[in-house]
């Protein structure tokens, strides 16, 4: 068994065709600039029109914001069109990406997060933060570290031209493990035993971010291939379709950034120093975990279209779940809840910087 030069599966061929036919669009080329502008716009609008953003924030069910869910659906759907169910049988022949995902997300990430929390809030920032508040911030970090990403990773995978089918399997495997491991790990690290997992949030998020767009993508893919009559023509039709809708996916990402920063615009301006202090261990964790996962994939000679999403999955967080648990355990205005919100604010810029780095280092890895 050799992972270095696997024969391209149909899903890999589809993604390569899509990337070759679409190229780098206007919004993708200058994505960092657009995101920076959207961050500024979100903070400003959140302070200028707080009632509007409060109304939008209230449109939620089981702690999942419906507006953000729709936008994420718009980001995820184009990649789901490229998922080839026929190639799922080949996943077992390439286990390295799955092994890295499991080890990083469940045996490393939660524990490095709590270690960084203690290091910064109990040692480095001990003169800047009240000890009682420090424990709250550490708790928020633990909740983020124990909740690997479910939705946005599809976006990061798409931006690195990752294998969509393999990414789906990686995310699905994390979701299954999370059902059984999230509560015990959080209970262990927090030192409490009465963790109540918000199952509605967990299940609804998986349905919204994985199941629905996957079904829609499968239906679209079947129709595109069905009208072409031939496999090669079908893959070309898929490439043309995803190329046409890719700008809509980027626009959904930018709109999500505006909303997320708009929701917390007042907090950012009112408590900038605290936000910065909380962001420090999150930044160290994010870049550190990426280095671990990406480095392991490099040393193990994992193909790039598996290695990049693999590392990005470990870096990003399931912030809906973390926020919901923080609120249920510690309260809406708690330091733990604030920390999970800062995690949301930090994640998008950090992930985009890592996407850019991964794309620049594509040549380090075997495969396309």
Protein backbone atom coordinates (compact mmCIF):
# COMPACT_ATOMS: atom_id res chain seq x y z
CA UNK A 1 0.00 0.00 0.00
CA UNK A 2 1.51 3.34 -1.04
CA UNK A 3 0.04 6.75 -0.24
CA UNK A 4 2.66 8.69 -2.14
CA UNK A 5 1.43 8.26 -5.66
CA UNK A 6 -2.13 7.06 -5.46
CA UNK A 7 -3.99 6.77 -8.71
CA UNK A 8 -6.39 9.70 -8.89
CA UNK A 9 -9.91 8.82 -7.90
CA UNK A 10 -12.88 10.27 -9.82
CA UNK A 11 -13.41 12.87 -7.09
CA UNK A 12 -9.77 13.98 -7.39
CA UNK A 13 -10.09 14.26 -11.14
CA UNK A 14 -13.22 16.35 -10.72
CA UNK A 15 -11.60 18.75 -8.28
CA UNK A 16 -8.52 19.10 -10.44
CA UNK A 17 -10.65 19.80 -13.50
CA UNK A 18 -12.63 22.38 -11.60
CA UNK A 19 -9.53 24.15 -10.38
CA UNK A 20 -7.92 24.10 -13.81
CA UNK A 21 -11.00 25.36 -15.62
CA UNK A 22 -11.95 28.00 -13.05
CA UNK A 23 -8.50 29.31 -12.15
CA UNK A 24 -8.17 31.91 -9.42
CA UNK A 25 -11.08 34.31 -9.56
CA UNK A 26 -11.09 37.99 -8.74
CA UNK A 27 -12.44 37.50 -5.22
CA UNK A 28 -10.14 34.57 -4.46
CA UNK A 29 -7.03 36.41 -5.65
CA UNK A 30 -7.59 39.29 -3.23
CA UNK A 31 -9.48 37.32 -0.58
CA UNK A 32 -7.34 38.52 2.34
CA UNK A 33 -8.09 42.14 1.46
CA UNK A 34 -11.82 41.51 1.16
CA UNK A 35 -11.87 39.71 4.50
CA UNK A 36 -9.99 42.56 6.20
CA UNK A 37 -12.50 45.05 4.79
CA UNK A 38 -15.40 42.85 5.92
CA UNK A 39 -13.96 42.64 9.44
CA UNK A 40 -13.79 46.43 9.64
CA UNK A 41 -17.27 46.73 8.12
CA UNK A 42 -18.68 44.18 10.55
CA UNK A 43 -17.27 45.95 13.62
CA UNK A 44 -18.47 49.36 12.39
CA UNK A 45 -21.94 48.15 11.42
CA UNK A 46 -22.27 46.24 14.67
CA UNK A 47 -21.79 49.49 16.55
CA UNK A 48 -23.79 51.70 14.20
CA UNK A 49 -26.78 49.37 13.86
CA UNK A 50 -26.81 47.24 17.03
CA UNK A 51 -30.55 46.64 16.86
CA UNK A 52 -30.25 45.10 13.41
CA UNK A 53 -27.49 42.73 14.46
CA UNK A 54 -29.30 41.90 17.68
CA UNK A 55 -32.32 40.93 15.59
CA UNK A 56 -30.18 38.78 13.28
CA UNK A 57 -28.43 37.19 16.27
CA UNK A 58 -31.83 36.26 17.69
CA UNK A 59 -32.73 34.23 14.60
CA UNK A 60 -31.47 30.96 15.99
CA UNK A 61 -32.59 27.53 17.05
CA UNK A 62 -30.68 25.31 19.48
CA UNK A 63 -27.89 27.95 19.60
CA UNK A 64 -27.39 27.69 15.82
CA UNK A 65 -27.87 31.01 14.05
CA UNK A 66 -30.09 30.42 11.03
CA UNK A 67 -28.64 33.27 8.92
CA UNK A 68 -25.07 32.09 9.47
CA UNK A 69 -26.18 28.51 8.79
CA UNK A 70 -27.63 29.51 5.42
CA UNK A 71 -24.44 31.35 4.48
CA UNK A 72 -22.28 28.40 5.51
CA UNK A 73 -24.56 26.15 3.48
CA UNK A 74 -23.83 28.39 0.50
CA UNK A 75 -20.11 27.95 1.11
CA UNK A 76 -20.26 24.19 1.60
CA UNK A 77 -22.60 23.26 -1.26
CA UNK A 78 -20.16 23.82 -4.18
CA UNK A 79 -17.67 21.40 -2.65
CA UNK A 80 -20.36 18.80 -1.99
CA UNK A 81 -21.11 18.70 -5.72
CA UNK A 82 -17.60 17.27 -6.17
CA UNK A 83 -18.12 14.45 -3.67
CA UNK A 84 -18.02 11.16 -5.55
CA UNK A 85 -19.72 8.42 -3.54
CA UNK A 86 -18.24 5.76 -5.80
CA UNK A 87 -14.74 6.66 -4.63
CA UNK A 88 -15.59 6.13 -0.95
CA UNK A 89 -14.42 2.55 -1.25
CA UNK A 90 -10.88 3.85 -1.87
CA UNK A 91 -10.67 5.78 1.42
CA UNK A 92 -9.49 2.73 3.35
CA UNK A 93 -6.54 2.45 0.98
CA UNK A 94 -5.32 5.88 2.15
CA UNK A 95 -5.61 5.85 5.95
CA UNK A 96 -2.83 8.30 6.79
CA UNK A 97 -4.99 11.44 6.63
CA UNK A 98 -7.62 9.85 8.87
CA UNK A 99 -5.01 8.76 11.41
CA UNK A 100 -3.53 12.26 11.59
CA UNK A 101 -7.00 13.76 11.99
CA UNK A 102 -7.90 11.46 14.89
CA UNK A 103 -4.60 11.84 16.73
CA UNK A 104 -4.41 15.63 16.39
CA UNK A 105 -8.06 16.35 17.22
CA UNK A 106 -8.53 13.97 20.12
CA UNK A 107 -5.13 13.07 21.59
CA UNK A 108 -3.27 16.38 21.21
CA UNK A 109 -5.48 19.43 20.64
CA UNK A 110 -7.65 19.47 23.81
CA UNK A 111 -4.62 18.99 26.06
CA UNK A 112 -2.37 21.57 24.41
CA UNK A 113 -5.25 24.04 24.64
CA UNK A 114 -5.61 23.67 28.41
CA UNK A 115 -1.81 23.80 28.82
CA UNK A 116 -1.65 27.07 26.88
CA UNK A 117 -4.56 28.45 28.90
CA UNK A 118 -2.74 27.78 32.17
CA UNK A 119 0.54 29.09 30.78
CA UNK A 120 -0.88 32.42 29.63
CA UNK A 121 -3.66 33.16 32.12
CA UNK A 122 -1.98 31.83 35.27
CA UNK A 123 1.63 32.79 34.48
CA UNK A 124 2.16 35.28 31.67
CA UNK A 125 -1.02 37.35 32.24
CA UNK A 126 -1.28 36.82 36.00
CA UNK A 127 -0.88 40.58 36.72
CA UNK A 128 -3.38 41.60 34.05
CA UNK A 129 -6.34 39.32 34.77
CA UNK A 130 -8.23 38.49 37.95
CA UNK A 131 -7.61 34.83 38.98
CA UNK A 132 -11.34 34.06 39.03
CA UNK A 133 -11.76 35.46 35.53
CA UNK A 134 -8.68 33.53 34.38
CA UNK A 135 -10.39 30.23 35.26
CA UNK A 136 -13.37 31.24 33.14
CA UNK A 137 -11.16 32.02 30.17
CA UNK A 138 -9.35 28.71 30.52
CA UNK A 139 -12.71 26.93 30.58
CA UNK A 140 -13.68 28.64 27.32
CA UNK A 141 -10.40 27.54 25.75
CA UNK A 142 -11.06 23.95 26.82
CA UNK A 143 -14.49 23.98 25.17
CA UNK A 144 -12.98 25.23 21.92
CA UNK A 145 -10.12 22.74 22.00
CA UNK A 146 -12.46 19.78 22.47
CA UNK A 147 -14.76 20.68 19.55
CA UNK A 148 -13.23 20.09 16.10
CA UNK A 149 -14.76 21.84 13.11
CA UNK A 150 -17.79 20.47 11.28
CA UNK A 151 -18.77 23.05 8.66
CA UNK A 152 -16.16 25.65 7.78
CA UNK A 153 -13.51 23.04 7.09
CA UNK A 154 -15.30 22.29 3.83
CA UNK A 155 -14.66 25.90 2.84
CA UNK A 156 -10.98 25.71 3.74
CA UNK A 157 -10.68 22.41 1.90
CA UNK A 158 -12.28 23.92 -1.18
CA UNK A 159 -9.87 26.89 -1.10
CA UNK A 160 -6.92 24.49 -1.04
CA UNK A 161 -8.49 22.25 -3.72
CA UNK A 162 -8.68 19.38 -1.28
CA UNK A 163 -10.18 15.99 -2.09
CA UNK A 164 -13.89 16.61 -1.32
CA UNK A 165 -14.75 12.96 -0.71
CA UNK A 166 -11.85 12.44 1.68
CA UNK A 167 -12.67 15.68 3.51
CA UNK A 168 -16.24 14.50 3.98
CA UNK A 169 -15.02 11.25 5.54
CA UNK A 170 -12.62 13.11 7.84
CA UNK A 171 -15.36 15.45 9.06
CA UNK A 172 -17.87 12.59 9.46
CA UNK A 173 -15.38 10.58 11.50
CA UNK A 174 -14.78 13.57 13.80
CA UNK A 175 -18.54 14.03 14.22
CA UNK A 176 -18.98 10.40 15.27
CA UNK A 177 -16.11 10.59 17.77
CA UNK A 178 -17.41 13.91 19.10
CA UNK A 179 -20.73 12.33 20.05
CA UNK A 180 -18.93 10.01 22.45
CA UNK A 181 -15.75 11.90 23.41
CA UNK A 182 -16.70 15.58 23.77
CA UNK A 183 -18.43 15.40 27.15
CA UNK A 184 -15.86 13.08 28.84
CA UNK A 185 -12.89 15.15 27.64
CA UNK A 186 -14.48 18.45 28.71
CA UNK A 187 -15.48 16.95 32.06
CA UNK A 188 -11.94 15.67 32.61
CA UNK A 189 -10.25 18.96 31.75
CA UNK A 190 -12.75 21.18 33.57
CA UNK A 191 -12.75 18.93 36.60
CA UNK A 192 -16.53 18.63 36.65
CA UNK A 193 -18.88 15.76 35.95
CA UNK A 194 -22.18 17.43 35.13
CA UNK A 195 -21.42 18.39 31.52
CA UNK A 196 -24.66 18.60 29.59
CA UNK A 197 -24.03 18.28 25.88
CA UNK A 198 -26.55 20.36 23.88
CA UNK A 199 -27.55 17.52 21.60
CA UNK A 200 -29.92 19.73 19.62
CA UNK A 201 -27.02 22.00 18.69
CA UNK A 202 -24.78 19.08 17.80
CA UNK A 203 -27.34 17.20 15.73
CA UNK A 204 -28.81 20.29 14.05
CA UNK A 205 -25.36 21.54 13.07
CA UNK A 206 -24.42 18.22 11.47
CA UNK A 207 -27.73 18.16 9.57
CA UNK A 208 -27.42 21.76 8.39
CA UNK A 209 -23.73 21.79 7.56
CA UNK A 210 -23.15 18.25 6.32
CA UNK A 211 -26.30 16.25 5.54
CA UNK A 212 -28.42 18.85 3.68
CA UNK A 213 -25.65 20.26 1.46
CA UNK A 214 -24.37 16.73 0.82
CA UNK A 215 -27.80 15.61 -0.40
CA UNK A 216 -28.17 18.74 -2.53
CA UNK A 217 -24.70 18.23 -3.97
CA UNK A 218 -25.38 14.57 -4.76
CA UNK A 219 -28.62 15.46 -6.57
CA UNK A 220 -26.87 18.20 -8.56
CA UNK A 221 -23.97 15.89 -9.43
CA UNK A 222 -26.31 13.14 -10.61
CA UNK A 223 -28.20 15.54 -12.85
CA UNK A 224 -25.03 17.01 -14.34
CA UNK A 225 -23.57 13.60 -15.11
CA UNK A 226 -26.94 12.25 -16.26
CA UNK A 227 -27.42 14.94 -18.89
CA UNK A 228 -23.91 14.47 -20.31
CA UNK A 229 -24.18 10.78 -21.10
CA UNK A 230 -20.44 10.12 -20.73
CA UNK A 231 -18.22 10.12 -17.64
CA UNK A 232 -15.62 12.54 -19.04
CA UNK A 233 -18.32 14.93 -20.21
CA UNK A 234 -19.99 14.62 -16.83
CA UNK A 235 -16.83 15.62 -14.96
CA UNK A 236 -16.42 18.57 -17.33
CA UNK A 237 -20.02 19.61 -16.69
CA UNK A 238 -19.39 19.46 -12.94
CA UNK A 239 -16.24 21.55 -13.33
CA UNK A 240 -18.12 24.21 -15.32
CA UNK A 241 -20.96 24.29 -12.80
CA UNK A 242 -18.73 24.61 -9.73
CA UNK A 243 -16.69 27.25 -11.52
CA UNK A 244 -19.84 29.32 -12.12
CA UNK A 245 -21.08 29.13 -8.53
CA UNK A 246 -17.69 29.58 -6.85
CA UNK A 247 -18.06 33.41 -6.64
CA UNK A 248 -21.30 32.91 -4.72
CA UNK A 249 -19.43 30.72 -2.24
CA UNK A 250 -16.82 33.44 -1.68
CA UNK A 251 -19.53 36.07 -1.26
CA UNK A 252 -21.19 33.87 1.37
CA UNK A 253 -17.87 33.65 3.22
CA UNK A 254 -17.46 37.44 3.20
CA UNK A 255 -21.05 37.96 4.39
CA UNK A 256 -20.41 35.50 7.22
CA UNK A 257 -17.36 37.49 8.30
CA UNK A 258 -19.41 40.71 8.40
CA UNK A 259 -22.09 39.02 10.52
CA UNK A 260 -19.72 37.37 12.98
CA UNK A 261 -17.80 40.56 13.64
CA UNK A 262 -20.99 42.60 13.63
CA UNK A 263 -22.48 40.41 16.36
CA UNK A 264 -19.52 41.22 18.63
CA UNK A 265 -18.59 44.66 17.36
CA UNK A 266 -19.40 46.38 20.66
CA UNK A 267 -17.29 43.91 22.67
CA UNK A 268 -14.29 44.41 20.39
CA UNK A 269 -14.38 48.20 20.81
CA UNK A 270 -15.33 48.21 24.50
CA UNK A 271 -12.72 45.67 25.68
CA UNK A 272 -9.93 45.55 23.08
CA UNK A 273 -7.14 44.64 25.54
CA UNK A 274 -9.08 41.69 26.98
CA UNK A 275 -9.95 40.47 23.49
CA UNK A 276 -6.27 40.65 22.54
CA UNK A 277 -5.17 38.74 25.66
CA UNK A 278 -7.70 35.96 25.04
CA UNK A 279 -6.67 35.80 21.39
CA UNK A 280 -3.00 35.13 22.19
CA UNK A 281 -3.30 31.48 23.35
CA UNK A 282 -5.85 30.86 20.59
CA UNK A 283 -3.38 32.09 17.99
CA UNK A 284 -0.54 30.02 19.43
CA UNK A 285 -2.78 26.95 19.53
CA UNK A 286 -4.07 27.42 15.98
CA UNK A 287 -0.69 27.87 14.34
CA UNK A 288 0.93 25.26 16.56
CA UNK A 289 -1.65 22.57 15.81
CA UNK A 290 -1.40 23.34 12.10
CA UNK A 291 2.37 22.88 12.24
CA UNK A 292 1.95 19.52 14.01
CA UNK A 293 -0.65 18.16 11.58
CA UNK A 294 0.87 19.65 8.43
CA UNK A 295 4.34 18.54 9.50
CA UNK A 296 3.13 15.00 10.18
CA UNK A 297 1.49 14.89 6.76
CA UNK A 298 4.70 16.15 5.15
CA UNK A 299 6.91 13.62 6.90
CA UNK A 300 4.46 10.82 6.12
CA UNK A 301 4.30 11.88 2.45
CA UNK A 302 0.54 12.37 2.41
CA UNK A 303 -0.74 13.86 -0.89
CA UNK A 304 -1.45 17.58 -0.69
CA UNK A 305 -5.17 17.34 -1.42
CA UNK A 306 -5.50 15.22 1.73
CA UNK A 307 -2.73 16.83 3.82
CA UNK A 308 -4.05 20.41 3.62
CA UNK A 309 -7.65 19.68 4.72
CA UNK A 310 -6.29 17.27 7.34
CA UNK A 311 -4.22 20.03 8.97
CA UNK A 312 -6.99 22.62 8.63
CA UNK A 313 -9.55 20.33 10.31
CA UNK A 314 -7.33 20.12 13.37
CA UNK A 315 -6.81 23.88 13.45
CA UNK A 316 -10.43 25.06 13.22
CA UNK A 317 -13.15 24.66 15.86
CA UNK A 318 -16.84 23.80 16.11
CA UNK A 319 -17.63 27.20 17.61
CA UNK A 320 -21.42 26.74 17.68
CA UNK A 321 -21.07 23.80 20.04
CA UNK A 322 -18.43 25.52 22.18
CA UNK A 323 -20.51 28.69 22.55
CA UNK A 324 -23.66 26.73 23.40
CA UNK A 325 -21.94 24.67 26.10
CA UNK A 326 -20.19 27.74 27.56
CA UNK A 327 -23.51 29.55 27.89
CA UNK A 328 -25.29 26.55 29.41
CA UNK A 329 -22.51 25.86 31.94
CA UNK A 330 -21.32 29.33 32.87
CA UNK A 331 -23.91 31.82 31.62
CA UNK A 332 -24.30 34.22 28.71
CA UNK A 333 -22.10 36.95 30.23
CA UNK A 334 -19.40 34.64 31.55
CA UNK A 335 -15.73 34.77 30.69
CA UNK A 336 -16.00 31.28 29.22
CA UNK A 337 -18.70 32.40 26.80
CA UNK A 338 -16.63 35.46 25.85
CA UNK A 339 -13.62 33.25 25.13
CA UNK A 340 -15.59 31.02 22.77
CA UNK A 341 -16.82 34.14 20.96
CA UNK A 342 -13.24 35.40 20.60
CA UNK A 343 -12.48 32.00 19.11
CA UNK A 344 -15.03 32.73 16.42
CA UNK A 345 -13.48 36.13 15.68
CA UNK A 346 -9.94 34.76 15.52
CA UNK A 347 -10.71 31.72 13.42
CA UNK A 348 -11.54 33.23 10.02
CA UNK A 349 -8.43 35.44 9.63
CA UNK A 350 -6.18 32.69 11.00
CA UNK A 351 -7.63 30.01 8.75
CA UNK A 352 -7.31 32.21 5.66
CA UNK A 353 -3.65 32.83 6.46
CA UNK A 354 -3.10 29.08 6.78
CA UNK A 355 -4.97 28.41 3.54
CA UNK A 356 -2.65 30.89 1.81
CA UNK A 357 0.42 29.21 3.36
CA UNK A 358 -0.78 25.75 2.37
CA UNK A 359 -1.37 26.83 -1.22
CA UNK A 360 2.11 28.36 -1.41
CA UNK A 361 3.69 25.13 -0.12
CA UNK A 362 1.72 22.77 -2.35
CA UNK A 363 4.92 21.68 -4.09
CA UNK A 364 6.27 20.22 -0.83
CA UNK A 365 3.83 17.34 -1.06
CA UNK A 366 3.28 14.47 -3.51
CA UNK A 367 0.21 14.52 -5.70
CA UNK A 368 -1.71 17.48 -7.06
